[in-house]
N, C-alpha and C. Protein backbone atom coordinates (compact mmCIF):
# COMPACT_ATOMS: atom_id res chain seq x y z
N MET A 1 83.54 -17.39 -87.01
CA MET A 1 84.47 -16.72 -87.94
C MET A 1 84.37 -17.58 -89.23
N MET A 2 84.22 -16.93 -90.25
CA MET A 2 84.26 -17.52 -91.52
C MET A 2 85.57 -17.66 -92.34
N PRO A 3 85.96 -18.75 -92.70
CA PRO A 3 87.31 -18.89 -93.37
C PRO A 3 87.52 -18.07 -94.63
N THR A 4 88.54 -17.46 -94.89
CA THR A 4 88.66 -16.61 -96.11
C THR A 4 88.62 -17.46 -97.27
N GLN A 5 88.08 -16.84 -98.44
CA GLN A 5 87.89 -17.55 -99.51
C GLN A 5 89.05 -17.48 -100.26
N THR A 6 89.46 -18.61 -100.96
CA THR A 6 90.58 -18.55 -101.90
C THR A 6 90.21 -18.17 -103.14
N GLY A 7 91.11 -18.17 -104.06
CA GLY A 7 91.03 -17.58 -105.51
C GLY A 7 90.03 -18.66 -106.14
N LEU A 8 90.20 -19.94 -105.88
CA LEU A 8 89.48 -20.96 -106.60
C LEU A 8 88.03 -20.73 -106.13
N THR A 9 87.73 -20.59 -104.97
CA THR A 9 86.48 -20.42 -104.41
C THR A 9 85.74 -19.14 -104.95
N THR A 10 86.44 -18.18 -104.96
CA THR A 10 85.89 -16.91 -105.61
C THR A 10 85.51 -17.03 -106.96
N ALA A 11 86.31 -17.68 -107.72
CA ALA A 11 86.22 -17.94 -109.13
C ALA A 11 85.06 -18.82 -109.37
N THR A 12 84.82 -19.90 -108.60
CA THR A 12 83.76 -20.85 -108.70
C THR A 12 82.35 -20.16 -108.51
N LEU A 13 82.48 -19.31 -107.32
CA LEU A 13 81.27 -18.67 -107.07
C LEU A 13 80.77 -17.73 -108.19
N GLU A 14 81.90 -16.98 -108.89
CA GLU A 14 81.45 -16.08 -110.00
C GLU A 14 81.00 -16.72 -111.12
N ILE A 15 81.54 -18.01 -111.44
CA ILE A 15 81.10 -18.81 -112.56
C ILE A 15 79.82 -19.27 -112.33
N MET A 16 79.48 -19.67 -111.13
CA MET A 16 78.07 -20.19 -110.80
C MET A 16 77.09 -19.14 -110.94
N GLY A 17 77.47 -17.90 -110.33
CA GLY A 17 76.41 -16.78 -110.42
C GLY A 17 76.16 -16.43 -111.97
N MET A 18 77.23 -16.30 -112.74
CA MET A 18 77.04 -16.06 -114.08
C MET A 18 76.10 -17.15 -114.79
N LEU A 19 76.33 -18.44 -114.46
CA LEU A 19 75.48 -19.44 -115.08
C LEU A 19 74.00 -19.33 -114.54
N VAL A 20 73.87 -19.06 -113.30
CA VAL A 20 72.39 -18.99 -112.88
C VAL A 20 71.75 -17.82 -113.38
N ASP A 21 72.57 -16.64 -113.46
CA ASP A 21 71.74 -15.35 -113.89
C ASP A 21 71.47 -15.68 -115.44
N TRP A 22 72.32 -16.47 -116.23
CA TRP A 22 72.04 -16.68 -117.65
C TRP A 22 70.77 -17.56 -117.85
N LEU A 23 70.59 -18.41 -116.63
CA LEU A 23 69.42 -19.52 -116.76
C LEU A 23 68.01 -18.80 -116.72
N LEU A 24 67.95 -17.60 -116.22
CA LEU A 24 66.59 -16.95 -116.00
C LEU A 24 65.81 -16.75 -117.21
N THR A 25 66.46 -16.32 -118.37
CA THR A 25 65.65 -16.09 -119.53
C THR A 25 65.27 -17.37 -120.19
N PRO A 26 66.18 -18.43 -120.37
CA PRO A 26 65.45 -19.55 -120.75
C PRO A 26 64.41 -20.21 -119.91
N VAL A 27 64.55 -20.17 -118.61
CA VAL A 27 63.45 -20.61 -117.81
C VAL A 27 62.11 -19.82 -117.98
N MET A 28 62.19 -18.58 -118.11
CA MET A 28 60.98 -17.83 -118.40
C MET A 28 60.46 -18.18 -119.76
N LEU A 29 61.22 -18.27 -120.84
CA LEU A 29 60.76 -18.74 -122.14
C LEU A 29 60.04 -20.09 -122.12
N VAL A 30 60.69 -20.88 -121.40
CA VAL A 30 60.18 -22.38 -121.45
C VAL A 30 58.99 -22.38 -120.65
N LEU A 31 58.83 -21.45 -119.53
CA LEU A 31 57.54 -21.33 -118.85
C LEU A 31 56.45 -20.91 -119.92
N LEU A 32 56.82 -19.77 -120.45
CA LEU A 32 55.81 -19.34 -121.55
C LEU A 32 55.36 -20.34 -122.53
N ALA A 33 56.29 -21.06 -122.98
CA ALA A 33 56.03 -22.20 -123.97
C ALA A 33 55.12 -23.34 -123.29
N LEU A 34 55.33 -23.65 -121.96
CA LEU A 34 54.63 -24.61 -121.32
C LEU A 34 53.20 -24.16 -121.04
N VAL A 35 52.99 -22.86 -120.70
CA VAL A 35 51.71 -22.23 -120.64
C VAL A 35 50.97 -22.52 -121.99
N ALA A 36 51.52 -22.08 -123.10
CA ALA A 36 50.89 -22.41 -124.44
C ALA A 36 50.44 -23.97 -124.65
N LEU A 37 51.50 -24.75 -124.22
CA LEU A 37 51.30 -26.06 -124.50
C LEU A 37 50.08 -26.61 -123.50
N SER A 38 50.04 -26.12 -122.40
CA SER A 38 49.02 -26.56 -121.57
C SER A 38 47.63 -26.11 -122.07
N ILE A 39 47.53 -24.94 -122.63
CA ILE A 39 46.36 -24.42 -123.32
C ILE A 39 46.12 -25.32 -124.47
N TRP A 40 46.94 -25.62 -125.28
CA TRP A 40 46.95 -26.61 -126.58
C TRP A 40 46.26 -27.94 -125.83
N GLU A 41 47.00 -28.56 -124.80
CA GLU A 41 46.51 -29.72 -124.33
C GLU A 41 45.14 -29.75 -123.71
N LEU A 42 44.78 -28.64 -123.16
CA LEU A 42 43.24 -28.42 -122.65
C LEU A 42 42.43 -28.64 -124.03
N GLY A 43 42.64 -27.96 -125.06
CA GLY A 43 41.85 -28.15 -126.21
C GLY A 43 41.83 -29.61 -126.83
N LEU A 44 42.97 -30.30 -126.75
CA LEU A 44 43.01 -31.75 -127.11
C LEU A 44 42.14 -32.61 -126.16
N THR A 45 42.24 -32.15 -124.98
CA THR A 45 41.39 -32.92 -123.93
C THR A 45 40.08 -32.88 -124.18
N ILE A 46 39.52 -31.62 -124.47
CA ILE A 46 38.08 -31.34 -124.82
C ILE A 46 37.67 -32.12 -125.94
N GLY A 47 38.62 -32.20 -126.96
CA GLY A 47 38.26 -32.97 -128.13
C GLY A 47 38.25 -34.47 -127.95
N GLU A 48 39.03 -35.02 -127.08
CA GLU A 48 39.05 -36.41 -126.58
C GLU A 48 37.81 -36.70 -125.86
N ARG A 49 37.37 -35.78 -125.02
CA ARG A 49 36.11 -36.08 -124.36
C ARG A 49 34.86 -35.81 -125.12
N SER A 50 34.88 -35.04 -126.13
CA SER A 50 33.73 -34.81 -126.90
C SER A 50 33.47 -35.84 -128.10
N GLY A 51 34.38 -36.74 -128.22
CA GLY A 51 34.21 -37.73 -129.28
C GLY A 51 35.27 -38.48 -129.56
N GLY A 52 36.50 -38.07 -129.24
CA GLY A 52 37.72 -38.80 -129.96
C GLY A 52 37.79 -40.24 -129.27
N ILE A 53 37.58 -40.25 -128.01
CA ILE A 53 37.80 -41.49 -127.37
C ILE A 53 36.66 -42.45 -127.67
N ARG A 54 35.34 -41.91 -127.79
CA ARG A 54 34.14 -42.64 -128.13
C ARG A 54 34.32 -43.20 -129.44
N ARG A 55 34.77 -42.65 -130.35
CA ARG A 55 34.95 -43.00 -131.85
C ARG A 55 36.01 -44.25 -131.84
N LEU A 56 37.03 -44.25 -131.09
CA LEU A 56 37.95 -45.27 -130.93
C LEU A 56 37.28 -46.54 -130.44
N VAL A 57 36.43 -46.34 -129.41
CA VAL A 57 35.85 -47.48 -128.56
C VAL A 57 34.71 -47.97 -129.73
N GLU A 58 34.09 -47.13 -130.42
CA GLU A 58 33.10 -47.65 -131.36
C GLU A 58 33.79 -48.52 -132.41
N ALA A 59 34.96 -48.07 -132.82
CA ALA A 59 35.56 -48.74 -133.87
C ALA A 59 36.45 -49.84 -133.49
N ARG A 60 36.44 -50.25 -132.21
CA ARG A 60 37.08 -51.36 -131.47
C ARG A 60 38.70 -51.29 -131.64
N GLN A 61 39.22 -50.09 -131.54
CA GLN A 61 40.73 -50.01 -131.97
C GLN A 61 41.26 -49.80 -130.42
N SER A 62 41.49 -50.86 -129.93
CA SER A 62 42.02 -50.84 -128.57
C SER A 62 43.47 -50.62 -128.58
N GLU A 63 44.37 -51.03 -129.56
CA GLU A 63 45.67 -50.74 -129.57
C GLU A 63 45.91 -49.08 -129.75
N LEU A 64 45.08 -48.63 -130.75
CA LEU A 64 45.19 -47.19 -131.03
C LEU A 64 44.71 -46.46 -129.69
N LEU A 65 43.79 -46.95 -129.04
CA LEU A 65 43.25 -46.22 -127.88
C LEU A 65 44.38 -46.23 -126.70
N ALA A 66 45.07 -47.37 -126.55
CA ALA A 66 46.00 -47.60 -125.52
C ALA A 66 47.13 -46.57 -125.88
N ARG A 67 47.54 -46.61 -127.10
CA ARG A 67 48.70 -45.97 -127.66
C ARG A 67 48.61 -44.44 -127.22
N ARG A 68 47.37 -43.84 -127.71
CA ARG A 68 46.97 -42.51 -127.54
C ARG A 68 46.85 -42.13 -126.09
N ALA A 69 46.32 -42.98 -125.26
CA ALA A 69 46.04 -42.85 -123.90
C ALA A 69 47.60 -42.57 -123.13
N ARG A 70 48.38 -43.56 -123.60
CA ARG A 70 49.76 -43.47 -122.86
C ARG A 70 50.47 -42.22 -123.27
N ARG A 71 50.26 -41.66 -124.68
CA ARG A 71 50.92 -40.42 -125.02
C ARG A 71 50.26 -39.17 -124.40
N ALA A 72 49.08 -39.22 -124.37
CA ALA A 72 48.24 -38.05 -123.83
C ALA A 72 48.66 -37.90 -122.31
N ILE A 73 48.48 -38.95 -121.62
CA ILE A 73 48.77 -38.97 -120.22
C ILE A 73 50.30 -38.73 -119.89
N ASP A 74 51.17 -39.25 -120.58
CA ASP A 74 52.58 -38.87 -120.56
C ASP A 74 52.72 -37.29 -120.68
N ARG A 75 52.17 -36.80 -121.65
CA ARG A 75 52.23 -35.25 -121.94
C ARG A 75 51.85 -34.45 -120.65
N ALA A 76 50.65 -34.83 -120.30
CA ALA A 76 50.07 -34.26 -118.99
C ALA A 76 50.96 -34.47 -117.86
N ASP A 77 51.54 -35.51 -117.52
CA ASP A 77 52.36 -35.81 -116.46
C ASP A 77 53.72 -34.97 -116.62
N VAL A 78 54.32 -34.76 -117.84
CA VAL A 78 55.36 -34.02 -118.04
C VAL A 78 54.99 -32.56 -117.53
N LEU A 79 53.97 -31.90 -118.02
CA LEU A 79 53.65 -30.80 -117.69
C LEU A 79 53.43 -30.49 -116.14
N SER A 80 52.86 -31.48 -115.47
CA SER A 80 52.62 -31.26 -113.98
C SER A 80 53.88 -31.41 -113.26
N ARG A 81 54.89 -32.09 -113.83
CA ARG A 81 56.19 -32.00 -113.05
C ARG A 81 57.08 -30.95 -113.49
N ILE A 82 57.32 -30.57 -114.68
CA ILE A 82 58.22 -29.61 -115.13
C ILE A 82 57.82 -28.30 -114.83
N GLY A 83 56.51 -27.78 -114.93
CA GLY A 83 56.06 -26.58 -114.72
C GLY A 83 56.36 -26.03 -113.39
N PRO A 84 56.07 -26.83 -112.32
CA PRO A 84 56.48 -26.34 -110.93
C PRO A 84 57.99 -26.30 -110.62
N MET A 85 58.62 -27.17 -111.21
CA MET A 85 60.21 -27.13 -111.13
C MET A 85 60.63 -25.89 -111.76
N LEU A 86 60.23 -25.47 -113.11
CA LEU A 86 60.75 -24.38 -113.65
C LEU A 86 60.26 -23.13 -112.81
N GLY A 87 59.05 -23.09 -112.43
CA GLY A 87 58.51 -21.98 -111.56
C GLY A 87 59.41 -21.75 -110.32
N LEU A 88 59.84 -22.78 -109.76
CA LEU A 88 60.78 -22.80 -108.57
C LEU A 88 62.03 -22.08 -108.92
N MET A 89 62.65 -22.72 -110.14
CA MET A 89 63.89 -22.00 -110.67
C MET A 89 63.73 -20.61 -110.77
N GLY A 90 62.63 -20.13 -111.49
CA GLY A 90 62.28 -18.83 -111.80
C GLY A 90 62.19 -17.96 -110.59
N THR A 91 61.81 -18.53 -109.41
CA THR A 91 61.62 -17.90 -108.14
C THR A 91 63.08 -17.71 -107.65
N LEU A 92 63.71 -18.69 -107.58
CA LEU A 92 65.06 -18.51 -106.67
C LEU A 92 66.14 -17.69 -107.52
N ILE A 93 66.09 -17.73 -108.86
CA ILE A 93 67.06 -17.19 -109.55
C ILE A 93 67.16 -15.83 -109.29
N PRO A 94 66.12 -14.94 -109.42
CA PRO A 94 66.19 -13.52 -109.33
C PRO A 94 66.33 -12.98 -107.83
N LEU A 95 66.02 -14.04 -106.95
CA LEU A 95 66.00 -13.52 -105.42
C LEU A 95 67.47 -13.30 -104.96
N GLY A 96 68.43 -14.01 -105.39
CA GLY A 96 69.83 -13.80 -105.07
C GLY A 96 70.20 -12.26 -105.37
N PRO A 97 70.11 -11.88 -106.56
CA PRO A 97 70.50 -10.64 -107.01
C PRO A 97 69.64 -9.46 -106.30
N GLY A 98 68.23 -9.99 -106.16
CA GLY A 98 67.37 -8.88 -105.22
C GLY A 98 67.73 -8.76 -103.86
N LEU A 99 68.23 -9.88 -103.30
CA LEU A 99 68.62 -9.71 -101.87
C LEU A 99 70.05 -8.92 -101.71
N ALA A 100 70.79 -9.20 -102.75
CA ALA A 100 72.06 -8.35 -102.80
C ALA A 100 71.73 -6.99 -102.85
N ALA A 101 70.70 -6.61 -103.74
CA ALA A 101 70.48 -5.22 -103.95
C ALA A 101 69.90 -4.69 -102.71
N LEU A 102 68.98 -5.28 -101.90
CA LEU A 102 68.53 -4.94 -100.75
C LEU A 102 69.69 -4.60 -99.83
N GLY A 103 70.65 -5.23 -99.81
CA GLY A 103 71.96 -4.95 -98.85
C GLY A 103 72.57 -3.68 -99.42
N LYS A 104 72.37 -3.23 -100.57
CA LYS A 104 73.01 -2.06 -101.00
C LYS A 104 71.87 -0.84 -101.17
N GLY A 105 70.70 -1.25 -100.64
CA GLY A 105 69.63 -0.15 -100.46
C GLY A 105 68.98 0.03 -101.90
N GLN A 106 69.09 -0.70 -102.88
CA GLN A 106 68.44 -0.49 -104.15
C GLN A 106 67.12 -1.19 -104.17
N LEU A 107 66.22 -0.59 -103.63
CA LEU A 107 64.73 -1.18 -103.42
C LEU A 107 64.09 -1.45 -104.85
N ASP A 108 64.49 -0.66 -105.75
CA ASP A 108 63.65 -0.78 -107.14
C ASP A 108 64.30 -2.07 -107.74
N VAL A 109 65.48 -2.56 -107.44
CA VAL A 109 66.11 -3.75 -108.12
C VAL A 109 65.35 -4.90 -107.46
N LEU A 110 65.26 -4.74 -105.98
CA LEU A 110 64.69 -5.74 -105.26
C LEU A 110 63.14 -6.04 -105.72
N ALA A 111 62.41 -5.01 -105.91
CA ALA A 111 61.19 -4.96 -106.39
C ALA A 111 60.93 -5.72 -107.74
N GLN A 112 61.81 -5.51 -108.53
CA GLN A 112 61.74 -6.15 -109.70
C GLN A 112 62.03 -7.57 -109.63
N ALA A 113 63.06 -7.81 -108.85
CA ALA A 113 63.32 -9.34 -108.68
C ALA A 113 62.22 -10.11 -108.01
N VAL A 114 61.63 -9.45 -107.02
CA VAL A 114 60.48 -10.16 -106.38
C VAL A 114 59.29 -10.24 -107.36
N THR A 115 59.15 -9.28 -108.07
CA THR A 115 57.94 -9.39 -109.10
C THR A 115 58.21 -10.51 -110.17
N VAL A 116 59.39 -10.76 -110.55
CA VAL A 116 59.90 -11.84 -111.49
C VAL A 116 59.51 -13.16 -110.80
N ALA A 117 60.09 -13.15 -109.44
CA ALA A 117 59.87 -14.44 -108.61
C ALA A 117 58.41 -14.89 -108.54
N PHE A 118 57.68 -13.94 -108.20
CA PHE A 118 56.10 -14.20 -108.04
C PHE A 118 55.66 -14.61 -109.38
N ASN A 119 55.84 -13.99 -110.47
CA ASN A 119 55.33 -14.15 -111.79
C ASN A 119 55.69 -15.69 -112.23
N THR A 120 56.97 -16.04 -112.11
CA THR A 120 57.35 -17.44 -112.53
C THR A 120 56.97 -18.30 -111.71
N THR A 121 56.60 -18.23 -110.30
CA THR A 121 56.01 -19.05 -109.57
C THR A 121 54.60 -19.36 -109.91
N VAL A 122 53.79 -18.36 -110.11
CA VAL A 122 52.39 -18.45 -110.43
C VAL A 122 52.29 -19.16 -111.90
N MET A 123 53.09 -18.93 -112.84
CA MET A 123 53.21 -19.56 -114.06
C MET A 123 53.59 -21.08 -113.91
N GLY A 124 54.40 -21.31 -113.16
CA GLY A 124 54.80 -22.70 -113.02
C GLY A 124 53.79 -23.57 -112.34
N LEU A 125 52.98 -23.00 -111.31
CA LEU A 125 52.02 -23.65 -110.61
C LEU A 125 50.76 -23.78 -111.45
N LEU A 126 50.46 -22.86 -112.44
CA LEU A 126 49.41 -22.82 -113.27
C LEU A 126 49.63 -24.02 -114.25
N VAL A 127 50.74 -24.24 -114.80
CA VAL A 127 51.20 -25.33 -115.64
C VAL A 127 51.03 -26.61 -115.00
N GLY A 128 51.58 -26.73 -113.73
CA GLY A 128 51.40 -27.84 -113.00
C GLY A 128 50.03 -28.20 -112.62
N ILE A 129 49.16 -27.32 -112.29
CA ILE A 129 47.72 -27.54 -111.91
C ILE A 129 47.09 -28.12 -113.25
N LEU A 130 47.24 -27.49 -114.39
CA LEU A 130 46.52 -27.86 -115.63
C LEU A 130 47.17 -29.22 -116.18
N GLY A 131 48.42 -29.63 -115.95
CA GLY A 131 48.86 -30.89 -116.15
C GLY A 131 48.30 -31.96 -115.26
N PHE A 132 48.26 -31.60 -113.91
CA PHE A 132 47.55 -32.51 -113.07
C PHE A 132 46.25 -33.00 -113.32
N LEU A 133 45.50 -31.84 -113.66
CA LEU A 133 43.99 -31.93 -113.88
C LEU A 133 43.70 -32.80 -115.35
N LEU A 134 44.49 -32.37 -116.21
CA LEU A 134 44.37 -33.02 -117.48
C LEU A 134 44.80 -34.55 -117.36
N GLY A 135 45.82 -34.81 -116.73
CA GLY A 135 46.25 -36.25 -116.46
C GLY A 135 45.32 -37.05 -115.82
N ARG A 136 44.77 -36.39 -114.70
CA ARG A 136 43.75 -37.33 -113.91
C ARG A 136 42.52 -37.48 -114.77
N LEU A 137 41.93 -36.41 -115.55
CA LEU A 137 40.77 -36.70 -116.35
C LEU A 137 41.00 -37.70 -117.41
N ARG A 138 42.22 -37.51 -118.07
CA ARG A 138 42.51 -38.59 -119.08
C ARG A 138 42.72 -40.05 -118.62
N ARG A 139 43.34 -40.05 -117.48
CA ARG A 139 43.35 -41.42 -116.94
C ARG A 139 42.01 -42.13 -116.76
N ARG A 140 40.95 -41.24 -116.11
CA ARG A 140 39.72 -41.73 -115.83
C ARG A 140 39.01 -42.16 -117.21
N TRP A 141 39.18 -41.25 -118.12
CA TRP A 141 38.37 -41.40 -119.43
C TRP A 141 38.92 -42.66 -120.16
N TYR A 142 40.33 -42.77 -120.18
CA TYR A 142 40.81 -43.84 -121.00
C TYR A 142 40.74 -45.16 -120.31
N ASP A 143 40.74 -45.11 -119.08
CA ASP A 143 40.58 -46.37 -118.23
C ASP A 143 39.04 -46.89 -118.47
N ALA A 144 38.15 -46.04 -118.51
CA ALA A 144 36.78 -46.27 -118.70
C ALA A 144 36.56 -46.90 -120.10
N ALA A 145 37.21 -46.23 -120.91
CA ALA A 145 37.10 -46.71 -122.46
C ALA A 145 37.79 -48.03 -122.48
N MET A 146 38.96 -48.36 -122.01
CA MET A 146 39.47 -49.70 -122.15
C MET A 146 38.67 -50.65 -121.45
N SER A 147 37.99 -50.39 -120.35
CA SER A 147 37.15 -51.24 -119.60
C SER A 147 35.94 -51.64 -120.57
N GLN A 148 35.44 -50.75 -121.07
CA GLN A 148 34.24 -50.90 -121.84
C GLN A 148 34.59 -51.70 -123.19
N LEU A 149 35.73 -51.62 -123.76
CA LEU A 149 36.23 -52.41 -124.92
C LEU A 149 36.46 -53.83 -124.23
N GLU A 150 37.03 -54.06 -123.05
CA GLU A 150 37.29 -55.39 -122.60
C GLU A 150 35.93 -56.12 -122.23
N GLU A 151 35.03 -55.41 -121.78
CA GLU A 151 33.71 -55.90 -121.40
C GLU A 151 32.81 -56.54 -122.44
N SER A 152 32.78 -55.65 -123.60
CA SER A 152 31.92 -55.81 -124.75
C SER A 152 32.58 -57.05 -125.51
N PRO A 153 31.73 -57.81 -126.21
CA PRO A 153 32.16 -59.03 -127.14
C PRO A 153 32.72 -58.40 -128.41
């Protein structure tokens, strides 16, 4: 037997529900921005690999190389962590109202909620995968460049 809800509990649940519902649009917008940023970072990574890192090594600019490496790897790490988190938020937020709609027999509302949930999951995972791969590649390339600078006189 469940205890009856007090006015405070009901009000708290309503406020939480409104806040969570309000979060869906910003989460989806940030996910779209992160997808665009991931594509941008992919282009930067191609530029780093096709000559950016090599030019810094040839110019013997170890401090600039280390600074750029740290910034590039940090950006990739942020993508790999934040993307999946926002994807999960975008998955869970619409499922609450979708399941409530199922209880009322509103299958169209449930279908829309599940579609949004799957789309945000995929977008978040895409950002996370790209961020992870870019971070791993950059670590390897910058480590090799720093080793090359340390070995040569």
